[in-house]
Amino acid sequence: MKQRDIIVQSVVPGSIAEEAGIEKGDSILSINNEKIRDVFDYRFLMANESLVVEVKKKDGEIWEIEIEKDEYEDLGMEFENSMLDEARSCTNKCIFCFIDQLPKGMRDTLYFKDDDSRLSFLTGNYVTLTNMDKSDIDRIIKYKMSPINVSVHTTNPDLRVFMLKNKFAGDVLDKIKDMVAGGITVNCQIVLCRGVNDDRELDDTISDLAHLYPGINSISVVPVGLTKHRKGLYHLEPYDRESASAVVDQVEGWQSKLLKKCGSRVVYLADEFYIMAERELPEYEHYEDFPQLENGVGLVTLLRYEFYQYLGKLDKDGPGTAGRPRRISIATGVSPYKYIKEMTAELEKRYKSLKIDVYEIKNEFFGENVTVAGLLTGGDIASQLAGKDLGDGVLITRSMLKADEDVFLDDMTVGELEERLGVGIDVVNNSGEDFINKVLGRGERSGQADSCDCGKT
């Protein structure tokens, strides 16, 4: 395979690289006579105190630069591709894959299925390990790529082959055992499909994984996400109140057992299960160190905890005392609606001239089974808020937007939504403090075209 060019995008002023004469546009060919496959090769080789860096200059001239530095000291270079390699795509055809349920006509990047352990380490993505062999596992251990987030779903080899539609999917437990034995911490995800990998299969999976604690740091159980665009796909039933309650009871039984045995609950449920079951969400302490927050596990509990902690520190100075009365609107999903209403009621009780309208936006784009705020589109918000008196503006969560742009899943921008609704849109970070400050109109607005990134709520 031809070696990819590792092209320098920028050099930090005053850095070792600048002093060595490395410039933007140069290519790094090798370090200590070893080719660089990706960012982990680069980091591993760069950690040495003595380096010989082979560089191809922009004019084609080859330099060999000898460098003496402190161990792990950075050279001060950034590259055109942060991973120095293309992301590995998914080779599975999972019966529950959310990307397969997207409608046609969305931006191309939404249809790319990554399944790359390097992205798991760098960004927290979940990987199935199906496109990895022993050399890949050994490389994870060698480079201490820890923690790794693994989509397990089931430890039953035959069932996993069926669920992932991949004949190489059955050895996941062996691969996890090898990583744990090599000192890698693993967080596991189970996407629970009703009548497929729940009930006794879930018991067996939790049991198999929990035996590897503390190498297995946590296990999350999340309900399968089903959109209305499942034509031609494997039939799956959504969870309802009764079936979700059964899952809550089952997992809580495991939590009680594991807390006594391991000193940790180890396995945790996504917030959606409690909401579907119409159960109270667990208390803050239940989630220990919130190991899978980005997977929707404990997200609402943490937000409420931060909300009440910050509210207790505030004085009574608010709208109507330090300034004019304030009316604000909030657009949120069906799942978090109840909890957003609860928190806004507390704010209205404290600040008498504050009026907050919370709108429960139903997901027409993906269908009624999709209830989280993070999968709402600009189009659904625009159509369902059209003609309403929205007061001083609308608040939305960052989780609705693309990571590096103010763009919803349907490609509507925040600016376009502002034009449609005729009011300003303010974007709220996933924290209780920011939620309160944005509701009260304190601090700078953050919904403009150059200031949006992604969170979950």
Protein backbone atom coordinates (compact mmCIF):
# COMPACT_ATOMS: atom_id res chain seq x y z
CA MET A 1 0.00 0.00 0.00
CA LYS A 2 1.36 3.42 -0.93
CA GLN A 3 2.48 5.58 1.99
CA ARG A 4 0.13 8.52 2.56
CA ASP A 5 1.73 11.95 2.66
CA ILE A 6 1.76 13.32 6.21
CA ILE A 7 1.51 17.00 5.33
CA VAL A 8 2.23 19.72 7.88
CA GLN A 9 -0.64 22.20 8.05
CA SER A 10 0.93 24.58 10.57
CA VAL A 11 3.93 24.96 12.85
CA VAL A 12 3.66 26.44 16.33
CA PRO A 13 5.81 29.60 16.65
CA GLY A 14 8.86 29.00 18.84
CA SER A 15 8.41 25.22 18.72
CA ILE A 16 11.03 22.55 18.13
CA ALA A 17 9.66 22.04 14.61
CA GLU A 18 10.07 25.72 13.75
CA GLU A 19 13.62 25.77 15.08
CA ALA A 20 14.38 22.69 12.97
CA GLY A 21 13.22 24.47 9.82
CA ILE A 22 10.02 22.49 9.28
CA GLU A 23 7.40 24.56 7.45
CA LYS A 24 3.78 24.45 6.40
CA GLY A 25 3.42 22.17 3.37
CA ASP A 26 6.37 19.93 4.25
CA SER A 27 5.77 16.16 4.49
CA ILE A 28 6.96 13.98 7.36
CA LEU A 29 8.29 10.75 5.81
CA SER A 30 9.55 8.87 8.88
CA ILE A 31 10.72 9.18 12.47
CA ASN A 32 13.71 7.08 13.53
CA ASN A 33 13.47 5.21 10.23
CA GLU A 34 9.89 4.08 10.91
CA LYS A 35 7.05 5.03 8.58
CA ILE A 36 4.05 6.80 10.06
CA ARG A 37 0.72 5.10 9.49
CA ASP A 38 -1.45 7.35 11.63
CA VAL A 39 -1.51 9.72 14.59
CA PHE A 40 -0.73 6.94 17.07
CA ASP A 41 2.47 5.99 15.25
CA TYR A 42 3.40 9.66 15.28
CA ARG A 43 2.68 10.13 18.99
CA PHE A 44 4.46 6.93 19.96
CA LEU A 45 7.60 7.72 17.95
CA MET A 46 7.62 11.41 18.90
CA ALA A 47 7.76 10.52 22.60
CA ASN A 48 11.44 9.54 22.34
CA GLU A 49 14.16 11.92 23.52
CA SER A 50 16.34 11.40 20.42
CA LEU A 51 14.73 11.66 16.99
CA VAL A 52 15.80 11.53 13.39
CA VAL A 53 12.98 13.08 11.40
CA GLU A 54 12.94 12.58 7.63
CA VAL A 55 11.21 15.51 5.96
CA LYS A 56 10.35 16.16 2.32
CA LYS A 57 10.40 19.90 1.71
CA LYS A 58 7.89 21.58 -0.54
CA ASP A 59 10.50 21.74 -3.33
CA GLY A 60 11.07 17.97 -3.12
CA GLU A 61 14.38 18.12 -1.23
CA ILE A 62 14.76 15.46 1.50
CA TRP A 63 16.07 16.54 4.91
CA GLU A 64 17.15 14.38 7.81
CA ILE A 65 16.81 16.38 11.02
CA GLU A 66 18.33 15.20 14.29
CA ILE A 67 16.43 16.38 17.36
CA GLU A 68 17.24 16.08 21.07
CA LYS A 69 14.37 16.93 23.38
CA ASP A 70 12.62 16.01 26.62
CA GLU A 71 10.68 12.75 26.64
CA TYR A 72 7.08 13.27 25.41
CA GLU A 73 7.83 16.91 24.52
CA ASP A 74 5.73 17.91 21.51
CA LEU A 75 7.40 18.96 18.28
CA GLY A 76 4.78 21.64 17.63
CA MET A 77 3.23 20.54 14.35
CA GLU A 78 -0.39 20.24 13.22
CA PHE A 79 -1.42 18.22 10.18
CA GLU A 80 -4.01 18.48 7.43
CA ASN A 81 -5.70 15.32 8.70
CA SER A 82 -5.76 15.11 12.51
CA MET A 83 -5.77 11.30 12.37
CA LEU A 84 -3.09 11.18 9.62
CA ASP A 85 -5.16 8.46 7.95
CA GLU A 86 -8.65 7.82 6.62
CA ALA A 87 -11.22 6.61 9.14
CA ARG A 88 -12.16 2.95 8.88
CA SER A 89 -15.70 2.44 7.68
CA CYS A 90 -18.14 -0.03 9.16
CA THR A 91 -18.40 -3.45 7.51
CA ASN A 92 -21.55 -4.47 9.42
CA LYS A 93 -25.17 -4.37 8.38
CA CYS A 94 -26.69 -4.13 11.86
CA ILE A 95 -30.40 -4.83 12.12
CA PHE A 96 -30.78 -1.68 14.25
CA CYS A 97 -28.38 0.70 12.45
CA PHE A 98 -29.66 4.26 12.77
CA ILE A 99 -27.87 5.44 9.62
CA ASP A 100 -29.78 2.89 7.55
CA GLN A 101 -32.95 4.57 8.81
CA LEU A 102 -32.08 8.05 7.54
CA PRO A 103 -34.19 9.48 4.75
CA LYS A 104 -32.60 10.20 1.38
CA GLY A 105 -31.27 13.63 0.51
CA MET A 106 -29.35 14.48 3.68
CA ARG A 107 -25.72 15.66 3.62
CA ASP A 108 -23.25 12.95 2.63
CA THR A 109 -21.31 12.95 5.90
CA LEU A 110 -24.39 11.69 7.79
CA TYR A 111 -24.35 8.46 5.79
CA PHE A 112 -20.73 7.56 6.58
CA LYS A 113 -20.50 4.71 9.11
CA ASP A 114 -17.21 4.84 10.98
CA ASP A 115 -15.98 1.87 12.99
CA ASP A 116 -12.49 2.96 13.95
CA SER A 117 -10.82 2.23 17.30
CA ARG A 118 -8.69 5.34 16.88
CA LEU A 119 -11.80 7.51 16.78
CA SER A 120 -13.05 5.67 19.86
CA PHE A 121 -9.92 6.75 21.71
CA LEU A 122 -9.81 10.28 20.25
CA THR A 123 -13.49 11.24 20.24
CA GLY A 124 -15.37 8.60 22.25
CA ASN A 125 -17.04 6.89 19.28
CA TYR A 126 -18.23 3.31 19.79
CA VAL A 127 -16.64 0.53 17.71
CA THR A 128 -17.70 -3.07 17.08
CA LEU A 129 -14.16 -4.54 16.63
CA THR A 130 -15.39 -6.60 13.66
CA ASN A 131 -12.86 -5.07 11.25
CA MET A 132 -9.90 -5.70 13.60
CA ASP A 133 -7.56 -8.67 13.85
CA LYS A 134 -5.00 -9.62 16.52
CA SER A 135 -2.42 -7.18 15.18
CA ASP A 136 -4.91 -4.33 15.60
CA ILE A 137 -5.64 -5.37 19.18
CA ASP A 138 -1.91 -5.63 19.88
CA ARG A 139 -1.47 -2.13 18.48
CA ILE A 140 -4.16 -0.74 20.80
CA ILE A 141 -2.31 -2.31 23.73
CA LYS A 142 1.11 -1.14 22.52
CA TYR A 143 -0.03 2.46 22.15
CA LYS A 144 -2.15 2.39 25.33
CA MET A 145 -5.23 3.58 23.45
CA SER A 146 -7.35 3.64 26.58
CA PRO A 147 -10.24 3.88 27.18
CA ILE A 148 -11.93 2.23 24.19
CA ASN A 149 -15.71 2.29 23.77
CA VAL A 150 -17.08 -0.95 22.31
CA SER A 151 -20.54 -1.64 20.92
CA VAL A 152 -21.08 -5.16 22.24
CA HIS A 153 -24.88 -5.65 22.09
CA THR A 154 -24.53 -9.32 23.01
CA THR A 155 -21.77 -11.74 23.97
CA ASN A 156 -23.65 -14.65 22.38
CA PRO A 157 -21.49 -15.31 19.28
CA ASP A 158 -24.29 -16.59 17.05
CA LEU A 159 -26.70 -13.84 18.07
CA ARG A 160 -24.07 -11.15 17.51
CA VAL A 161 -23.33 -12.49 14.04
CA PHE A 162 -27.06 -12.26 13.32
CA MET A 163 -27.50 -8.77 14.81
CA LEU A 164 -24.48 -7.28 13.04
CA LYS A 165 -24.91 -9.36 9.88
CA ASN A 166 -21.18 -10.01 9.93
CA LYS A 167 -19.61 -13.48 10.13
CA PHE A 168 -16.62 -11.99 11.98
CA ALA A 169 -18.74 -10.53 14.81
CA GLY A 170 -18.80 -13.52 17.16
CA ASP A 171 -15.42 -13.11 18.89
CA VAL A 172 -16.03 -9.76 20.59
CA LEU A 173 -15.65 -11.14 24.12
CA ASP A 174 -12.27 -12.69 23.28
CA LYS A 175 -11.03 -9.39 21.84
CA ILE A 176 -12.23 -7.48 24.89
CA LYS A 177 -10.52 -9.98 27.19
CA ASP A 178 -7.25 -9.49 25.29
CA MET A 179 -7.51 -5.70 25.62
CA VAL A 180 -8.35 -5.86 29.32
CA ALA A 181 -5.43 -8.25 29.91
CA GLY A 182 -3.21 -5.71 28.14
CA GLY A 183 -4.25 -2.92 30.50
CA ILE A 184 -6.86 -1.25 28.29
CA THR A 185 -9.99 0.12 29.95
CA VAL A 186 -13.18 -0.69 28.04
CA ASN A 187 -16.62 0.92 28.21
CA CYS A 188 -19.32 -1.26 26.65
CA GLN A 189 -22.59 -0.37 24.98
CA ILE A 190 -25.62 -2.59 24.53
CA VAL A 191 -28.23 -1.32 22.07
CA LEU A 192 -31.23 -3.26 23.31
CA CYS A 193 -33.62 -4.61 20.69
CA ARG A 194 -36.94 -5.84 22.03
CA GLY A 195 -37.29 -9.61 21.70
CA VAL A 196 -33.78 -9.99 20.28
CA ASN A 197 -30.99 -9.39 22.80
CA ASP A 198 -32.99 -8.55 25.92
CA ASP A 199 -34.38 -10.78 28.69
CA ARG A 200 -32.08 -13.80 29.27
CA GLU A 201 -29.66 -12.69 26.57
CA LEU A 202 -29.18 -9.41 28.42
CA ASP A 203 -28.53 -11.28 31.67
CA ASP A 204 -25.87 -13.39 29.99
CA THR A 205 -24.22 -10.37 28.35
CA ILE A 206 -24.08 -8.36 31.58
CA SER A 207 -22.73 -11.39 33.44
CA ASP A 208 -19.99 -12.03 30.86
CA LEU A 209 -18.87 -8.41 30.80
CA ALA A 210 -19.14 -7.71 34.55
CA HIS A 211 -16.74 -10.59 35.23
CA LEU A 212 -14.07 -8.41 33.60
CA TYR A 213 -14.55 -5.47 35.98
CA PRO A 214 -12.62 -3.19 36.57
CA GLY A 215 -11.10 -3.68 33.10
CA ILE A 216 -14.66 -3.27 31.89
CA ASN A 217 -15.26 0.12 33.46
CA SER A 218 -18.94 0.45 32.58
CA ILE A 219 -21.78 -1.05 30.56
CA SER A 220 -24.56 1.10 29.15
CA VAL A 221 -27.93 -0.25 28.05
CA VAL A 222 -29.72 2.00 25.56
CA PRO A 223 -32.99 1.40 23.69
CA VAL A 224 -32.86 0.90 19.95
CA GLY A 225 -33.68 4.05 18.03
CA LEU A 226 -36.37 3.50 15.41
CA THR A 227 -37.27 6.08 12.77
CA LYS A 228 -40.22 6.02 10.38
CA HIS A 229 -37.81 5.34 7.49
CA ARG A 230 -37.37 1.58 8.08
CA LYS A 231 -38.87 0.30 4.85
CA GLY A 232 -37.26 -3.01 3.89
CA LEU A 233 -35.31 -3.34 7.15
CA TYR A 234 -35.56 -6.01 9.83
CA HIS A 235 -38.75 -5.57 11.86
CA LEU A 236 -38.14 -4.25 15.36
CA GLU A 237 -40.72 -3.32 17.99
CA PRO A 238 -40.18 -0.14 20.02
CA TYR A 239 -40.14 -0.37 23.79
CA ASP A 240 -43.32 0.70 25.57
CA ARG A 241 -44.11 1.41 29.22
CA GLU A 242 -44.46 -2.24 30.24
CA SER A 243 -41.43 -3.60 28.38
CA ALA A 244 -39.25 -0.66 29.45
CA SER A 245 -40.29 -1.24 33.08
CA ALA A 246 -39.17 -4.86 32.79
CA VAL A 247 -35.74 -3.71 31.57
CA VAL A 248 -35.44 -1.21 34.43
CA ASP A 249 -36.28 -3.91 36.98
CA GLN A 250 -33.82 -6.33 35.38
CA VAL A 251 -30.91 -3.88 35.28
CA GLU A 252 -31.59 -2.55 38.76
CA GLY A 253 -31.33 -6.13 40.00
CA TRP A 254 -27.89 -6.39 38.44
CA GLN A 255 -26.86 -3.02 39.87
CA SER A 256 -27.74 -4.14 43.39
CA LYS A 257 -25.80 -7.37 42.96
CA LEU A 258 -22.74 -5.75 41.40
CA LEU A 259 -22.62 -2.90 43.91
CA LYS A 260 -22.23 -5.46 46.69
CA LYS A 261 -19.73 -7.57 44.76
CA CYS A 262 -17.62 -4.93 42.98
CA GLY A 263 -18.31 -1.71 44.84
CA SER A 264 -19.74 -0.30 41.61
CA ARG A 265 -23.03 -0.67 39.75
CA VAL A 266 -21.01 -1.22 36.55
CA VAL A 267 -24.14 -1.32 34.33
CA TYR A 268 -26.32 1.73 33.73
CA LEU A 269 -29.48 2.51 31.79
CA ALA A 270 -29.99 5.34 29.33
CA ASP A 271 -32.40 8.00 30.58
CA GLU A 272 -34.90 7.00 27.89
CA PHE A 273 -35.70 3.71 29.63
CA TYR A 274 -36.80 5.46 32.82
CA ILE A 275 -38.79 8.02 30.85
CA MET A 276 -40.55 5.36 28.75
CA ALA A 277 -41.26 3.34 31.90
CA GLU A 278 -42.61 6.47 33.62
CA ARG A 279 -40.18 5.90 36.47
CA GLU A 280 -38.32 8.50 38.48
CA LEU A 281 -34.79 9.08 37.28
CA PRO A 282 -32.08 7.88 39.69
CA GLU A 283 -30.34 10.31 42.02
CA TYR A 284 -26.99 11.94 41.23
CA GLU A 285 -25.00 9.42 43.31
CA HIS A 286 -26.43 6.49 41.34
CA TYR A 287 -24.23 7.28 38.33
CA GLU A 288 -20.98 7.32 40.31
CA ASP A 289 -18.53 9.10 37.96
CA PHE A 290 -21.01 9.29 35.02
CA PRO A 291 -18.89 6.99 32.80
CA GLN A 292 -21.18 7.09 29.75
CA LEU A 293 -22.73 10.53 29.91
CA GLU A 294 -22.32 11.09 26.17
CA ASN A 295 -24.41 7.97 25.59
CA GLY A 296 -27.41 9.57 27.30
CA VAL A 297 -26.78 7.82 30.62
CA GLY A 298 -27.51 10.14 33.53
CA LEU A 299 -27.66 13.21 31.34
CA VAL A 300 -30.92 14.59 32.73
CA THR A 301 -29.95 13.78 36.32
CA LEU A 302 -26.67 15.65 35.95
CA LEU A 303 -28.38 18.63 34.33
CA ARG A 304 -30.93 18.85 37.13
CA TYR A 305 -28.22 18.48 39.78
CA GLU A 306 -26.15 21.28 38.25
CA PHE A 307 -29.28 23.40 37.86
CA TYR A 308 -30.26 23.24 41.53
CA GLN A 309 -26.66 23.60 42.71
CA TYR A 310 -26.21 26.79 40.70
CA LEU A 311 -29.67 28.12 41.52
CA GLY A 312 -28.84 27.86 45.22
CA LYS A 313 -25.86 30.16 44.73
CA LEU A 314 -27.80 32.91 42.94
CA ASP A 315 -29.27 35.94 44.61
CA LYS A 316 -32.79 37.16 43.91
CA ASP A 317 -31.58 39.74 41.42
CA GLY A 318 -33.16 38.78 38.13
CA PRO A 319 -35.54 39.98 35.43
CA GLY A 320 -37.76 42.77 36.71
CA THR A 321 -35.35 43.76 39.48
CA ALA A 322 -32.15 44.50 37.59
CA GLY A 323 -33.94 45.12 34.29
CA ARG A 324 -37.19 44.81 32.38
CA PRO A 325 -39.51 41.78 32.55
CA ARG A 326 -38.33 38.90 30.37
CA ARG A 327 -40.20 36.32 28.35
CA ILE A 328 -38.32 33.49 26.71
CA SER A 329 -39.26 30.32 24.80
CA ILE A 330 -37.54 26.93 24.87
CA ALA A 331 -37.78 24.28 22.15
CA THR A 332 -37.04 20.75 23.35
CA GLY A 333 -37.84 17.11 22.64
CA VAL A 334 -40.60 14.91 24.02
CA SER A 335 -38.26 13.02 26.39
CA PRO A 336 -36.74 15.97 28.28
CA TYR A 337 -39.89 18.15 28.16
CA LYS A 338 -41.10 17.22 31.66
CA TYR A 339 -37.75 17.99 33.24
CA ILE A 340 -37.24 21.27 31.40
CA LYS A 341 -40.73 22.32 32.58
CA GLU A 342 -39.83 21.42 36.16
CA MET A 343 -36.69 23.55 36.10
CA THR A 344 -38.32 26.52 34.40
CA ALA A 345 -41.12 26.45 36.98
CA GLU A 346 -38.46 26.86 39.69
CA LEU A 347 -37.04 29.87 37.88
CA GLU A 348 -40.46 31.45 37.43
CA LYS A 349 -41.18 30.93 41.11
CA ARG A 350 -38.01 32.77 42.07
CA TYR A 351 -38.15 35.52 39.43
CA LYS A 352 -41.74 36.76 39.34
CA SER A 353 -41.37 38.85 36.18
CA LEU A 354 -39.84 35.98 34.22
CA LYS A 355 -42.14 34.06 31.87
CA ILE A 356 -40.89 30.89 30.17
CA ASP A 357 -42.80 29.01 27.49
CA VAL A 358 -41.52 25.46 26.96
CA TYR A 359 -42.51 23.85 23.66
CA GLU A 360 -42.50 20.08 23.22
CA ILE A 361 -41.38 19.58 19.62
CA LYS A 362 -42.53 16.32 18.10
CA ASN A 363 -40.11 14.71 15.66
CA GLU A 364 -41.96 14.69 12.35
CA PHE A 365 -38.70 14.27 10.43
CA PHE A 366 -37.69 10.90 11.96
CA GLY A 367 -41.03 9.86 13.44
CA GLU A 368 -42.74 9.79 16.84
CA ASN A 369 -40.50 7.02 18.23
CA VAL A 370 -37.56 9.45 18.19
CA THR A 371 -38.05 11.66 21.23
CA VAL A 372 -34.63 13.04 22.23
CA ALA A 373 -33.86 16.73 21.73
CA GLY A 374 -30.59 16.06 19.94
CA LEU A 375 -32.34 14.59 16.89
CA LEU A 376 -34.75 17.46 16.30
CA THR A 377 -34.45 19.33 13.02
CA GLY A 378 -34.68 23.02 12.27
CA GLY A 379 -37.65 22.34 10.01
CA ASP A 380 -39.70 20.70 12.77
CA ILE A 381 -38.91 23.53 15.19
CA ALA A 382 -39.81 26.15 12.58
CA SER A 383 -43.12 24.56 11.60
CA GLN A 384 -44.27 23.84 15.16
CA LEU A 385 -43.35 27.29 16.51
CA ALA A 386 -44.67 29.21 13.51
CA GLY A 387 -47.14 31.95 14.44
CA LYS A 388 -46.46 31.74 18.18
CA ASP A 389 -45.48 34.70 20.35
CA LEU A 390 -41.96 33.60 21.27
CA GLY A 391 -41.12 36.61 23.40
CA ASP A 392 -37.48 37.69 23.59
CA GLY A 393 -36.18 34.65 21.73
CA VAL A 394 -35.87 30.87 21.62
CA LEU A 395 -33.39 28.63 23.41
CA ILE A 396 -32.22 25.34 21.91
CA THR A 397 -29.64 22.79 23.05
CA ARG A 398 -26.28 22.44 21.32
CA SER A 399 -26.97 18.76 20.76
CA MET A 400 -29.28 19.70 17.89
CA LEU A 401 -26.38 21.14 15.89
CA LYS A 402 -23.45 19.81 13.91
CA ALA A 403 -20.22 19.69 15.92
CA ASP A 404 -18.40 22.46 14.07
CA GLU A 405 -21.22 24.46 12.49
CA ASP A 406 -24.57 25.99 13.41
CA VAL A 407 -26.40 23.46 11.21
CA PHE A 408 -29.28 21.16 12.11
CA LEU A 409 -29.59 17.60 10.79
CA ASP A 410 -31.80 18.82 7.94
CA ASP A 411 -29.15 21.39 6.91
CA MET A 412 -31.16 24.36 8.16
CA THR A 413 -28.85 26.85 9.85
CA VAL A 414 -29.51 28.71 13.09
CA GLY A 415 -29.61 31.92 11.08
CA GLU A 416 -32.28 30.50 8.77
CA LEU A 417 -34.35 29.40 11.75
CA GLU A 418 -34.08 32.91 13.18
CA GLU A 419 -35.38 34.31 9.90
CA ARG A 420 -38.27 31.81 9.81
CA LEU A 421 -39.35 32.58 13.37
CA GLY A 422 -38.50 36.27 13.44
CA VAL A 423 -36.63 36.05 16.77
CA GLY A 424 -33.11 35.39 17.96
CA ILE A 425 -32.00 31.83 18.71
CA ASP A 426 -29.67 31.21 21.64
CA VAL A 427 -27.78 27.94 21.98
CA VAL A 428 -27.44 26.39 25.43
CA ASN A 429 -24.51 24.27 26.51
CA ASN A 430 -25.37 21.09 28.37
CA SER A 431 -24.88 22.47 31.87
CA GLY A 432 -27.25 23.67 34.54
CA GLU A 433 -25.32 26.89 34.96
CA ASP A 434 -25.45 27.81 31.29
CA PHE A 435 -29.14 26.87 31.14
CA ILE A 436 -30.00 29.29 33.95
CA ASN A 437 -27.84 32.09 32.59
CA LYS A 438 -29.31 31.80 29.10
CA VAL A 439 -32.87 31.76 30.44
CA LEU A 440 -32.14 34.85 32.53
CA GLY A 441 -30.41 36.56 29.60
CA ARG A 442 -27.09 36.80 31.39
CA GLY A 443 -23.79 36.59 29.55
CA GLU A 444 -23.12 36.66 25.82
CA ARG A 445 -25.42 35.06 23.31
CA SER A 446 -24.05 31.91 21.70
CA GLY A 447 -26.30 31.09 18.79
CA GLN A 448 -24.47 32.94 16.06
CA ALA A 449 -23.02 31.46 12.92
CA ASP A 450 -19.49 31.00 14.21
CA SER A 451 -20.10 29.71 17.71
CA CYS A 452 -21.99 26.42 17.75
CA ASP A 453 -20.74 22.99 18.66
CA CYS A 454 -22.27 19.75 19.86
CA GLY A 455 -23.43 18.36 23.18
CA LYS A 456 -26.15 15.99 24.32
CA THR A 457 -29.37 16.65 26.14
